[in-house]
Amino acid sequence: MERIRNIDQVLNLLEKESGERFPLPDTLPLKQRLMRALMNVRQPVKPSEELLAAQNEELKRQREEKGVVEIGGAGIHLWQGDITRLKVDAIVNAANSRLLGCFIPLHSCIDNAIHSAAGIQLRCECDSIMKAQGHEEPIGRAKMTRGYNLPARYVIHTVGPIVSDGVPTKAQREQLVSCYRSCLELAERNHLQSIAFCCVSTGVFRFPKRMAAEIAIQTVKAYRRQYVKTVVFNVFTNDDYEIYRQLL
């Protein structure tokens, strides 16, 4: 009952912010879906302490229920599953050029998953970074934020190239190399010891999966790492797992 009261408080506060009314679902899973959907569409305005406390309590419980995964040992690792479960210094987010996360309610992209698990604070921090920058994030660059309710301490956001005709150009291949290199540079600059990469650009950005994996692995292996001892290639689908398994 305590958990239901807490998530109802989150929903009521988000509803009050939006100025709209939503019927409260009856079950916890449906309440969680509505909470995530409202978080997804929420603009990056400063939240109240009351909202943050209630949201953080629910996201903490969700994190515990999903289970936190630690990848031990130096070197390059392959892991299949939900990247928001990984306890590493930083996970990499395949972001869009606005860097504000996905605004489509309950969308299945990794950008949505990471922002939903981290909390509304993540979008607010990204918004501050983008306002200070004054322009959209260029392809191949990276920015780092806190991880908030994620097991990971930080999130490194990078914008990959969008492939429209199925065959990446030389420039797009170089941009993808730059994505991985920029993430590693940020991790090194901040003395991080572990980083988990998603499959940048292979989702809705349509970069061919095998070529992207080859670029990812080659770039990481060629990079001279001083502080980053553990690199995780995180995959979600069986197809991606098999591609990385063969290449590694």
C-alpha atoms as a PDB file:
ATOM      1  CA  MET A   1       0.000   0.000   0.000  1.00  0.00           C
ATOM      2  CA  GLU A   2       2.863   2.375   0.767  1.00  0.00           C
ATOM      3  CA  ARG A   3       4.238   1.875  -2.733  1.00  0.00           C
ATOM      4  CA  ILE A   4       0.844   2.457  -4.326  1.00  0.00           C
ATOM      5  CA  ARG A   5       0.417   5.684  -2.365  1.00  0.00           C
ATOM      6  CA  ASN A   6       3.877   6.839  -3.446  1.00  0.00           C
ATOM      7  CA  ILE A   7       3.384   6.173  -7.160  1.00  0.00           C
ATOM      8  CA  ASP A   8      -0.083   7.738  -6.994  1.00  0.00           C
ATOM      9  CA  GLN A   9       1.614  10.828  -5.596  1.00  0.00           C
ATOM     10  CA  VAL A  10       4.013  10.856  -8.548  1.00  0.00           C
ATOM     11  CA  LEU A  11       1.100  10.558 -10.978  1.00  0.00           C
ATOM     12  CA  ASN A  12      -0.903  13.279  -9.238  1.00  0.00           C
ATOM     13  CA  LEU A  13       2.052  15.673  -9.254  1.00  0.00           C
ATOM     14  CA  LEU A  14       2.831  14.995 -12.919  1.00  0.00           C
ATOM     15  CA  GLU A  15      -0.839  15.439 -13.742  1.00  0.00           C
ATOM     16  CA  LYS A  16      -0.920  18.738 -11.851  1.00  0.00           C
ATOM     17  CA  GLU A  17       2.167  19.959 -13.736  1.00  0.00           C
ATOM     18  CA  SER A  18       0.643  19.089 -17.108  1.00  0.00           C
ATOM     19  CA  GLY A  19      -2.659  20.791 -16.379  1.00  0.00           C
ATOM     20  CA  GLU A  20      -4.517  17.734 -17.678  1.00  0.00           C
ATOM     21  CA  ARG A  21      -6.480  15.025 -15.906  1.00  0.00           C
ATOM     22  CA  PHE A  22      -5.824  11.313 -16.311  1.00  0.00           C
ATOM     23  CA  PRO A  23      -7.809   8.446 -14.787  1.00  0.00           C
ATOM     24  CA  LEU A  24      -5.553   6.571 -12.367  1.00  0.00           C
ATOM     25  CA  PRO A  25      -5.074   2.912 -13.352  1.00  0.00           C
ATOM     26  CA  ASP A  26      -5.935   0.197 -10.837  1.00  0.00           C
ATOM     27  CA  THR A  27      -2.799  -1.957 -10.914  1.00  0.00           C
ATOM     28  CA  LEU A  28       0.858  -1.226 -10.196  1.00  0.00           C
ATOM     29  CA  PRO A  29       2.108  -2.215 -13.706  1.00  0.00           C
ATOM     30  CA  LEU A  30      -0.422   0.121 -15.333  1.00  0.00           C
ATOM     31  CA  LYS A  31       0.473   2.903 -12.916  1.00  0.00           C
ATOM     32  CA  GLN A  32       4.146   2.402 -13.816  1.00  0.00           C
ATOM     33  CA  ARG A  33       3.330   2.616 -17.534  1.00  0.00           C
ATOM     34  CA  LEU A  34       1.442   5.868 -17.024  1.00  0.00           C
ATOM     35  CA  MET A  35       4.256   7.261 -14.889  1.00  0.00           C
ATOM     36  CA  ARG A  36       6.794   6.481 -17.596  1.00  0.00           C
ATOM     37  CA  ALA A  37       4.583   7.940 -20.333  1.00  0.00           C
ATOM     38  CA  LEU A  38       4.127  11.175 -18.394  1.00  0.00           C
ATOM     39  CA  MET A  39       7.859  11.363 -17.704  1.00  0.00           C
ATOM     40  CA  ASN A  40       8.556  10.861 -21.407  1.00  0.00           C
ATOM     41  CA  VAL A  41       6.481  13.859 -22.479  1.00  0.00           C
ATOM     42  CA  ARG A  42       7.450  16.132 -19.583  1.00  0.00           C
ATOM     43  CA  GLN A  43       9.272  19.320 -20.567  1.00  0.00           C
ATOM     44  CA  PRO A  44      12.643  19.996 -18.876  1.00  0.00           C
ATOM     45  CA  VAL A  45      11.382  22.391 -16.225  1.00  0.00           C
ATOM     46  CA  LYS A  46      12.669  22.318 -12.656  1.00  0.00           C
ATOM     47  CA  PRO A  47      10.693  19.736 -10.654  1.00  0.00           C
ATOM     48  CA  SER A  48       9.534  20.172  -7.098  1.00  0.00           C
ATOM     49  CA  GLU A  49      11.410  18.410  -4.305  1.00  0.00           C
ATOM     50  CA  GLU A  50       8.199  16.540  -3.533  1.00  0.00           C
ATOM     51  CA  LEU A  51       8.014  15.150  -7.066  1.00  0.00           C
ATOM     52  CA  LEU A  52      11.685  14.200  -7.117  1.00  0.00           C
ATOM     53  CA  ALA A  53      11.491  12.370  -3.805  1.00  0.00           C
ATOM     54  CA  ALA A  54       8.446  10.336  -4.837  1.00  0.00           C
ATOM     55  CA  GLN A  55       9.811   9.609  -8.316  1.00  0.00           C
ATOM     56  CA  ASN A  56      13.209   8.557  -6.960  1.00  0.00           C
ATOM     57  CA  GLU A  57      11.593   6.182  -4.475  1.00  0.00           C
ATOM     58  CA  GLU A  58       9.652   4.401  -7.217  1.00  0.00           C
ATOM     59  CA  LEU A  59      12.605   4.267  -9.639  1.00  0.00           C
ATOM     60  CA  LYS A  60      14.802   2.870  -6.865  1.00  0.00           C
ATOM     61  CA  ARG A  61      12.301   0.057  -6.342  1.00  0.00           C
ATOM     62  CA  GLN A  62      12.156  -0.619 -10.080  1.00  0.00           C
ATOM     63  CA  ARG A  63      15.957  -0.741 -10.218  1.00  0.00           C
ATOM     64  CA  GLU A  64      16.040  -3.304  -7.408  1.00  0.00           C
ATOM     65  CA  GLU A  65      13.347  -5.423  -9.061  1.00  0.00           C
ATOM     66  CA  LYS A  66      15.146  -5.482 -12.417  1.00  0.00           C
ATOM     67  CA  GLY A  67      18.391  -6.381 -10.683  1.00  0.00           C
ATOM     68  CA  VAL A  68      21.738  -4.633 -10.903  1.00  0.00           C
ATOM     69  CA  VAL A  69      24.428  -6.311 -13.012  1.00  0.00           C
ATOM     70  CA  GLU A  70      28.130  -5.821 -12.329  1.00  0.00           C
ATOM     71  CA  ILE A  71      30.695  -6.707 -14.990  1.00  0.00           C
ATOM     72  CA  GLY A  72      33.950  -7.581 -13.307  1.00  0.00           C
ATOM     73  CA  GLY A  73      37.464  -7.697 -14.630  1.00  0.00           C
ATOM     74  CA  ALA A  74      39.530  -5.601 -16.976  1.00  0.00           C
ATOM     75  CA  GLY A  75      39.246  -6.054 -20.720  1.00  0.00           C
ATOM     76  CA  ILE A  76      36.465  -6.143 -23.313  1.00  0.00           C
ATOM     77  CA  HIS A  77      33.207  -7.865 -22.401  1.00  0.00           C
ATOM     78  CA  LEU A  78      29.999  -8.715 -24.276  1.00  0.00           C
ATOM     79  CA  TRP A  79      26.720  -8.584 -22.338  1.00  0.00           C
ATOM     80  CA  GLN A  80      23.152  -9.016 -23.588  1.00  0.00           C
ATOM     81  CA  GLY A  81      20.322  -7.293 -21.771  1.00  0.00           C
ATOM     82  CA  ASP A  82      18.929  -4.012 -20.517  1.00  0.00           C
ATOM     83  CA  ILE A  83      21.734  -1.442 -20.336  1.00  0.00           C
ATOM     84  CA  THR A  84      19.944   0.388 -17.506  1.00  0.00           C
ATOM     85  CA  ARG A  85      20.815  -2.549 -15.224  1.00  0.00           C
ATOM     86  CA  LEU A  86      24.590  -2.191 -15.613  1.00  0.00           C
ATOM     87  CA  LYS A  87      26.627  -0.897 -12.695  1.00  0.00           C
ATOM     88  CA  VAL A  88      29.542   0.740 -14.485  1.00  0.00           C
ATOM     89  CA  ASP A  89      31.064   4.187 -14.316  1.00  0.00           C
ATOM     90  CA  ALA A  90      29.236   5.226 -17.496  1.00  0.00           C
ATOM     91  CA  ILE A  91      26.748   3.848 -19.982  1.00  0.00           C
ATOM     92  CA  VAL A  92      26.524   5.264 -23.496  1.00  0.00           C
ATOM     93  CA  ASN A  93      23.224   6.590 -24.781  1.00  0.00           C
ATOM     94  CA  ALA A  94      22.439   6.780 -28.491  1.00  0.00           C
ATOM     95  CA  ALA A  95      20.927  10.264 -28.359  1.00  0.00           C
ATOM     96  CA  ASN A  96      19.313  12.589 -30.873  1.00  0.00           C
ATOM     97  CA  SER A  97      20.747  15.976 -31.748  1.00  0.00           C
ATOM     98  CA  ARG A  98      18.522  17.812 -29.243  1.00  0.00           C
ATOM     99  CA  LEU A  99      20.014  15.634 -26.490  1.00  0.00           C
ATOM    100  CA  LEU A 100      16.768  15.815 -24.495  1.00  0.00           C
ATOM    101  CA  GLY A 101      15.727  12.178 -24.731  1.00  0.00           C
ATOM    102  CA  CYS A 102      12.778  10.611 -26.508  1.00  0.00           C
ATOM    103  CA  PHE A 103       9.431  12.399 -26.131  1.00  0.00           C
ATOM    104  CA  ILE A 104       7.369   9.526 -27.584  1.00  0.00           C
ATOM    105  CA  PRO A 105       5.494   7.893 -24.689  1.00  0.00           C
ATOM    106  CA  LEU A 106       6.724   4.354 -23.926  1.00  0.00           C
ATOM    107  CA  HIS A 107       8.896   4.226 -27.044  1.00  0.00           C
ATOM    108  CA  SER A 108      11.218   1.220 -27.235  1.00  0.00           C
ATOM    109  CA  CYS A 109      14.400   3.130 -28.134  1.00  0.00           C
ATOM    110  CA  ILE A 110      17.393   3.106 -25.800  1.00  0.00           C
ATOM    111  CA  ASP A 111      17.170   6.891 -25.368  1.00  0.00           C
ATOM    112  CA  ASN A 112      13.686   6.472 -23.890  1.00  0.00           C
ATOM    113  CA  ALA A 113      14.757   3.552 -21.699  1.00  0.00           C
ATOM    114  CA  ILE A 114      17.720   5.409 -20.213  1.00  0.00           C
ATOM    115  CA  HIS A 115      15.829   8.634 -19.508  1.00  0.00           C
ATOM    116  CA  SER A 116      12.917   6.677 -18.022  1.00  0.00           C
ATOM    117  CA  ALA A 117      15.172   4.746 -15.647  1.00  0.00           C
ATOM    118  CA  ALA A 118      17.340   7.737 -14.726  1.00  0.00           C
ATOM    119  CA  GLY A 119      14.440  10.089 -13.980  1.00  0.00           C
ATOM    120  CA  ILE A 120      13.279  13.509 -15.043  1.00  0.00           C
ATOM    121  CA  GLN A 121      16.469  15.081 -13.677  1.00  0.00           C
ATOM    122  CA  LEU A 122      18.381  13.716 -16.658  1.00  0.00           C
ATOM    123  CA  ARG A 123      16.378  15.694 -19.208  1.00  0.00           C
ATOM    124  CA  CYS A 124      16.744  18.810 -17.066  1.00  0.00           C
ATOM    125  CA  GLU A 125      20.536  18.453 -16.958  1.00  0.00           C
ATOM    126  CA  CYS A 126      20.675  17.805 -20.706  1.00  0.00           C
ATOM    127  CA  ASP A 127      18.572  20.915 -21.270  1.00  0.00           C
ATOM    128  CA  SER A 128      21.009  23.025 -19.232  1.00  0.00           C
ATOM    129  CA  ILE A 129      23.913  21.680 -21.290  1.00  0.00           C
ATOM    130  CA  MET A 130      22.168  22.405 -24.570  1.00  0.00           C
ATOM    131  CA  LYS A 131      21.114  25.915 -23.560  1.00  0.00           C
ATOM    132  CA  ALA A 132      24.697  26.706 -22.584  1.00  0.00           C
ATOM    133  CA  GLN A 133      25.949  25.244 -25.870  1.00  0.00           C
ATOM    134  CA  GLY A 134      23.446  27.216 -27.934  1.00  0.00           C
ATOM    135  CA  HIS A 135      23.081  24.729 -30.786  1.00  0.00           C
ATOM    136  CA  GLU A 136      22.207  21.114 -31.434  1.00  0.00           C
ATOM    137  CA  GLU A 137      24.754  18.431 -30.683  1.00  0.00           C
ATOM    138  CA  PRO A 138      26.891  17.605 -33.739  1.00  0.00           C
ATOM    139  CA  ILE A 139      27.108  14.031 -34.984  1.00  0.00           C
ATOM    140  CA  GLY A 140      30.097  12.178 -33.587  1.00  0.00           C
ATOM    141  CA  ARG A 141      30.484  14.258 -30.437  1.00  0.00           C
ATOM    142  CA  ALA A 142      29.576  13.347 -26.841  1.00  0.00           C
ATOM    143  CA  LYS A 143      28.372  14.925 -23.607  1.00  0.00           C
ATOM    144  CA  MET A 144      28.370  13.464 -20.097  1.00  0.00           C
ATOM    145  CA  THR A 145      25.714  13.783 -17.398  1.00  0.00           C
ATOM    146  CA  ARG A 146      25.019  12.195 -14.058  1.00  0.00           C
ATOM    147  CA  GLY A 147      23.222   8.842 -13.964  1.00  0.00           C
ATOM    148  CA  TYR A 148      20.713   9.758 -11.216  1.00  0.00           C
ATOM    149  CA  ASN A 149      18.581   6.667 -10.531  1.00  0.00           C
ATOM    150  CA  LEU A 150      20.620   4.378 -12.781  1.00  0.00           C
ATOM    151  CA  PRO A 151      23.181   1.977 -11.330  1.00  0.00           C
ATOM    152  CA  ALA A 152      25.706   3.705 -13.611  1.00  0.00           C
ATOM    153  CA  ARG A 153      27.304   6.828 -12.182  1.00  0.00           C
ATOM    154  CA  TYR A 154      27.189   8.707 -15.482  1.00  0.00           C
ATOM    155  CA  VAL A 155      25.554   8.694 -18.898  1.00  0.00           C
ATOM    156  CA  ILE A 156      27.580   9.623 -21.972  1.00  0.00           C
ATOM    157  CA  HIS A 157      25.299  10.843 -24.759  1.00  0.00           C
ATOM    158  CA  THR A 158      26.471  10.622 -28.360  1.00  0.00           C
ATOM    159  CA  VAL A 159      24.671  11.361 -31.621  1.00  0.00           C
ATOM    160  CA  GLY A 160      25.303   8.835 -34.359  1.00  0.00           C
ATOM    161  CA  PRO A 161      24.881   9.202 -38.126  1.00  0.00           C
ATOM    162  CA  ILE A 162      21.502   8.522 -39.746  1.00  0.00           C
ATOM    163  CA  VAL A 163      21.694   6.221 -42.767  1.00  0.00           C
ATOM    164  CA  SER A 164      18.836   6.872 -45.174  1.00  0.00           C
ATOM    165  CA  ASP A 165      19.591   4.552 -48.103  1.00  0.00           C
ATOM    166  CA  GLY A 166      21.035   1.502 -46.331  1.00  0.00           C
ATOM    167  CA  VAL A 167      24.660   2.089 -47.384  1.00  0.00           C
ATOM    168  CA  PRO A 168      26.721   4.362 -45.126  1.00  0.00           C
ATOM    169  CA  THR A 169      28.972   6.858 -46.826  1.00  0.00           C
ATOM    170  CA  LYS A 170      32.656   7.195 -45.929  1.00  0.00           C
ATOM    171  CA  ALA A 171      31.780  10.325 -43.956  1.00  0.00           C
ATOM    172  CA  GLN A 172      29.100   8.458 -41.985  1.00  0.00           C
ATOM    173  CA  ARG A 173      31.512   5.651 -41.169  1.00  0.00           C
ATOM    174  CA  GLU A 174      33.982   8.234 -39.902  1.00  0.00           C
ATOM    175  CA  GLN A 175      31.233   9.877 -37.845  1.00  0.00           C
ATOM    176  CA  LEU A 176      30.479   6.573 -36.141  1.00  0.00           C
ATOM    177  CA  VAL A 177      34.166   6.121 -35.362  1.00  0.00           C
ATOM    178  CA  SER A 178      34.076   9.597 -33.857  1.00  0.00           C
ATOM    179  CA  CYS A 179      31.128   8.636 -31.627  1.00  0.00           C
ATOM    180  CA  TYR A 180      33.081   5.836 -29.962  1.00  0.00           C
ATOM    181  CA  ARG A 181      36.282   7.853 -29.788  1.00  0.00           C
ATOM    182  CA  SER A 182      34.503  10.874 -28.270  1.00  0.00           C
ATOM    183  CA  CYS A 183      32.925   8.684 -25.577  1.00  0.00           C
ATOM    184  CA  LEU A 184      36.291   7.173 -24.701  1.00  0.00           C
ATOM    185  CA  GLU A 185      37.900  10.620 -24.602  1.00  0.00           C
ATOM    186  CA  LEU A 186      35.267  11.814 -22.132  1.00  0.00           C
ATOM    187  CA  ALA A 187      35.692   8.718 -19.998  1.00  0.00           C
ATOM    188  CA  GLU A 188      39.465   9.108 -19.966  1.00  0.00           C
ATOM    189  CA  ARG A 189      39.272  12.830 -19.221  1.00  0.00           C
ATOM    190  CA  ASN A 190      37.133  12.072 -16.173  1.00  0.00           C
ATOM    191  CA  HIS A 191      39.274   9.119 -15.061  1.00  0.00           C
ATOM    192  CA  LEU A 192      36.443   6.595 -15.436  1.00  0.00           C
ATOM    193  CA  GLN A 193      37.417   2.955 -15.171  1.00  0.00           C
ATOM    194  CA  SER A 194      34.468   1.238 -16.866  1.00  0.00           C
ATOM    195  CA  ILE A 195      32.138   2.067 -19.742  1.00  0.00           C
ATOM    196  CA  ALA A 196      29.291   0.221 -21.464  1.00  0.00           C
ATOM    197  CA  PHE A 197      28.551   0.960 -25.111  1.00  0.00           C
ATOM    198  CA  CYS A 198      25.183   0.412 -26.744  1.00  0.00           C
ATOM    199  CA  CYS A 199      24.936  -0.300 -30.483  1.00  0.00           C
ATOM    200  CA  VAL A 200      25.109   3.322 -31.607  1.00  0.00           C
ATOM    201  CA  SER A 201      23.111   4.233 -34.743  1.00  0.00           C
ATOM    202  CA  THR A 202      21.870   0.693 -35.484  1.00  0.00           C
ATOM    203  CA  GLY A 203      18.265   1.220 -34.341  1.00  0.00           C
ATOM    204  CA  VAL A 204      16.058   3.856 -35.907  1.00  0.00           C
ATOM    205  CA  PHE A 205      19.197   5.474 -37.395  1.00  0.00           C
ATOM    206  CA  ARG A 206      19.532   2.353 -39.611  1.00  0.00           C
ATOM    207  CA  PHE A 207      23.314   1.923 -39.679  1.00  0.00           C
ATOM    208  CA  PRO A 208      24.029  -1.678 -40.827  1.00  0.00           C
ATOM    209  CA  LYS A 209      24.544  -3.772 -37.707  1.00  0.00           C
ATOM    210  CA  ARG A 210      27.613  -5.767 -38.675  1.00  0.00           C
ATOM    211  CA  MET A 211      29.458  -2.784 -40.084  1.00  0.00           C
ATOM    212  CA  ALA A 212      28.619  -0.782 -36.955  1.00  0.00           C
ATOM    213  CA  ALA A 213      29.908  -3.585 -34.729  1.00  0.00           C
ATOM    214  CA  GLU A 214      33.137  -3.805 -36.716  1.00  0.00           C
ATOM    215  CA  ILE A 215      33.652  -0.053 -36.333  1.00  0.00           C
ATOM    216  CA  ALA A 216      32.863  -0.184 -32.608  1.00  0.00           C
ATOM    217  CA  ILE A 217      35.276  -3.012 -31.853  1.00  0.00           C
ATOM    218  CA  GLN A 218      38.079  -1.696 -34.054  1.00  0.00           C
ATOM    219  CA  THR A 219      37.819   1.807 -32.578  1.00  0.00           C
ATOM    220  CA  VAL A 220      37.832   0.597 -28.972  1.00  0.00           C
ATOM    221  CA  LYS A 221      40.752  -1.775 -29.551  1.00  0.00           C
ATOM    222  CA  ALA A 222      42.781   0.914 -31.328  1.00  0.00           C
ATOM    223  CA  TYR A 223      42.182   3.556 -28.651  1.00  0.00           C
ATOM    224  CA  ARG A 224      45.023   3.933 -26.152  1.00  0.00           C
ATOM    225  CA  ARG A 225      43.225   3.702 -22.823  1.00  0.00           C
ATOM    226  CA  GLN A 226      44.916   4.783 -19.621  1.00  0.00           C
ATOM    227  CA  TYR A 227      42.091   4.867 -17.069  1.00  0.00           C
ATOM    228  CA  VAL A 228      39.306   2.877 -18.728  1.00  0.00           C
ATOM    229  CA  LYS A 229      40.064  -0.726 -17.876  1.00  0.00           C
ATOM    230  CA  THR A 230      36.682  -2.330 -18.527  1.00  0.00           C
ATOM    231  CA  VAL A 231      34.709  -1.923 -21.757  1.00  0.00           C
ATOM    232  CA  VAL A 232      31.324  -3.595 -22.156  1.00  0.00           C
ATOM    233  CA  PHE A 233      29.591  -3.977 -25.488  1.00  0.00           C
ATOM    234  CA  ASN A 234      25.929  -4.111 -24.537  1.00  0.00           C
ATOM    235  CA  VAL A 235      23.520  -5.720 -26.996  1.00  0.00           C
ATOM    236  CA  PHE A 236      19.808  -6.344 -26.704  1.00  0.00           C
ATOM    237  CA  THR A 237      18.802  -8.618 -29.591  1.00  0.00           C
ATOM    238  CA  ASN A 238      20.003 -12.126 -30.370  1.00  0.00           C
ATOM    239  CA  ASP A 239      21.160 -10.965 -33.799  1.00  0.00           C
ATOM    240  CA  ASP A 240      23.399  -8.291 -32.291  1.00  0.00           C
ATOM    241  CA  TYR A 241      24.765 -10.762 -29.739  1.00  0.00           C
ATOM    242  CA  GLU A 242      25.750 -13.211 -32.469  1.00  0.00           C
ATOM    243  CA  ILE A 243      27.424 -10.485 -34.541  1.00  0.00           C
ATOM    244  CA  TYR A 244      29.527  -9.258 -31.607  1.00  0.00           C
ATOM    245  CA  ARG A 245      30.281 -12.803 -30.444  1.00  0.00           C
ATOM    246  CA  GLN A 246      31.707 -13.689 -33.843  1.00  0.00           C
ATOM    247  CA  LEU A 247      33.733 -10.491 -34.136  1.00  0.00           C
ATOM    248  CA  LEU A 248      35.136 -10.692 -30.623  1.00  0.00           C
END
